[in-house]
């Protein structure tokens, strides 16, 4: 789990997709209130086999500022092995 100012990124229940870890992105304010549920999730980082790399996908109608996007990029560049 990696906690940033506005978001937390973590693998939930050792979830895998294409035999690779899936990382869920949660809004810290909602995460504190609801825990790691669908209500708090704002995106996902998962392995995209055609490109052979991890990609970020947000839920519909979710917006990110540059700080949050840099945090997602930091996680993808430095936390995923």
Protein backbone atom coordinates (compact mmCIF):
# COMPACT_ATOMS: atom_id res chain seq x y z
CA UNK A 1 0.00 0.00 0.00
CA UNK A 2 1.22 3.48 -0.85
CA UNK A 3 -0.52 6.51 0.61
CA UNK A 4 -0.25 9.91 -1.04
CA UNK A 5 -1.81 13.26 -0.11
CA UNK A 6 -5.15 12.66 -1.86
CA UNK A 7 -5.06 9.01 -2.96
CA UNK A 8 -4.06 5.56 -1.69
CA UNK A 9 -2.97 2.81 -4.06
CA UNK A 10 -3.08 -0.80 -2.90
CA UNK A 11 -3.53 -4.37 -4.00
CA UNK A 12 -6.80 -5.70 -2.57
CA UNK A 13 -6.95 -9.34 -1.46
CA UNK A 14 -3.96 -10.27 -3.65
CA UNK A 15 -6.06 -9.63 -6.77
CA UNK A 16 -4.45 -10.71 -10.07
CA UNK A 17 -5.26 -10.10 -13.74
CA UNK A 18 -3.25 -11.84 -16.46
CA UNK A 19 -1.23 -13.34 -13.58
CA UNK A 20 -0.06 -9.85 -12.57
CA UNK A 21 -1.04 -7.82 -9.49
CA UNK A 22 -3.92 -5.35 -9.80
CA UNK A 23 -3.70 -2.12 -7.83
CA UNK A 24 -6.82 -0.20 -6.82
CA UNK A 25 -6.74 3.59 -6.42
CA UNK A 26 -8.87 5.07 -3.64
CA UNK A 27 -9.82 8.61 -2.70
CA UNK A 28 -8.39 9.13 0.80
CA UNK A 29 -11.44 10.99 2.08
CA UNK A 30 -13.83 8.24 0.93
CA UNK A 31 -11.42 5.51 2.01
CA UNK A 32 -11.40 6.88 5.54
CA UNK A 33 -15.21 6.95 5.60
CA UNK A 34 -16.07 3.71 3.75
CA UNK A 35 -12.93 1.58 3.71
CA UNK A 36 -11.75 -0.10 0.49
CA UNK A 37 -15.15 -0.38 -1.18
CA UNK A 38 -16.47 0.56 -4.61
CA UNK A 39 -17.57 3.90 -3.13
CA UNK A 40 -13.98 4.92 -2.48
CA UNK A 41 -12.37 3.47 -5.62
CA UNK A 42 -11.53 6.02 -8.31
CA UNK A 43 -9.28 4.00 -10.59
CA UNK A 44 -7.18 0.92 -11.20
CA UNK A 45 -3.68 0.08 -12.38
CA UNK A 46 -3.51 -3.26 -14.17
CA UNK A 47 -1.33 -5.12 -16.64
CA UNK A 48 -2.38 -4.62 -20.26
CA UNK A 49 -1.12 -7.66 -22.16
CA UNK A 50 -1.19 -6.19 -25.72
CA UNK A 51 1.22 -3.43 -24.63
CA UNK A 52 3.09 -5.66 -22.14
CA UNK A 53 2.97 -2.97 -19.48
CA UNK A 54 0.84 -1.57 -16.67
CA UNK A 55 -1.82 1.01 -17.51
CA UNK A 56 -4.05 3.33 -15.50
CA UNK A 57 -7.84 3.42 -15.92
CA UNK A 58 -10.15 5.74 -14.00
CA UNK A 59 -13.79 5.20 -13.21
CA UNK A 60 -16.32 7.12 -15.30
CA UNK A 61 -16.61 10.85 -14.63
CA UNK A 62 -13.62 10.93 -12.31
CA UNK A 63 -11.24 13.86 -12.54
CA UNK A 64 -7.61 14.08 -11.47
CA UNK A 65 -5.40 17.09 -10.96
CA UNK A 66 -1.70 17.12 -11.77
CA UNK A 67 -0.75 16.11 -8.21
CA UNK A 68 -2.87 12.95 -8.35
CA UNK A 69 -1.66 12.07 -11.84
CA UNK A 70 1.96 12.49 -10.75
CA UNK A 71 1.26 10.22 -7.77
CA UNK A 72 -0.18 7.53 -10.06
CA UNK A 73 2.87 7.86 -12.32
CA UNK A 74 5.21 7.73 -9.30
CA UNK A 75 3.55 4.49 -8.18
CA UNK A 76 3.77 2.97 -11.66
CA UNK A 77 7.44 3.94 -12.06
CA UNK A 78 8.68 3.16 -8.56
CA UNK A 79 6.40 0.66 -6.81
CA UNK A 80 5.51 -1.88 -9.48
CA UNK A 81 8.25 -4.42 -10.08
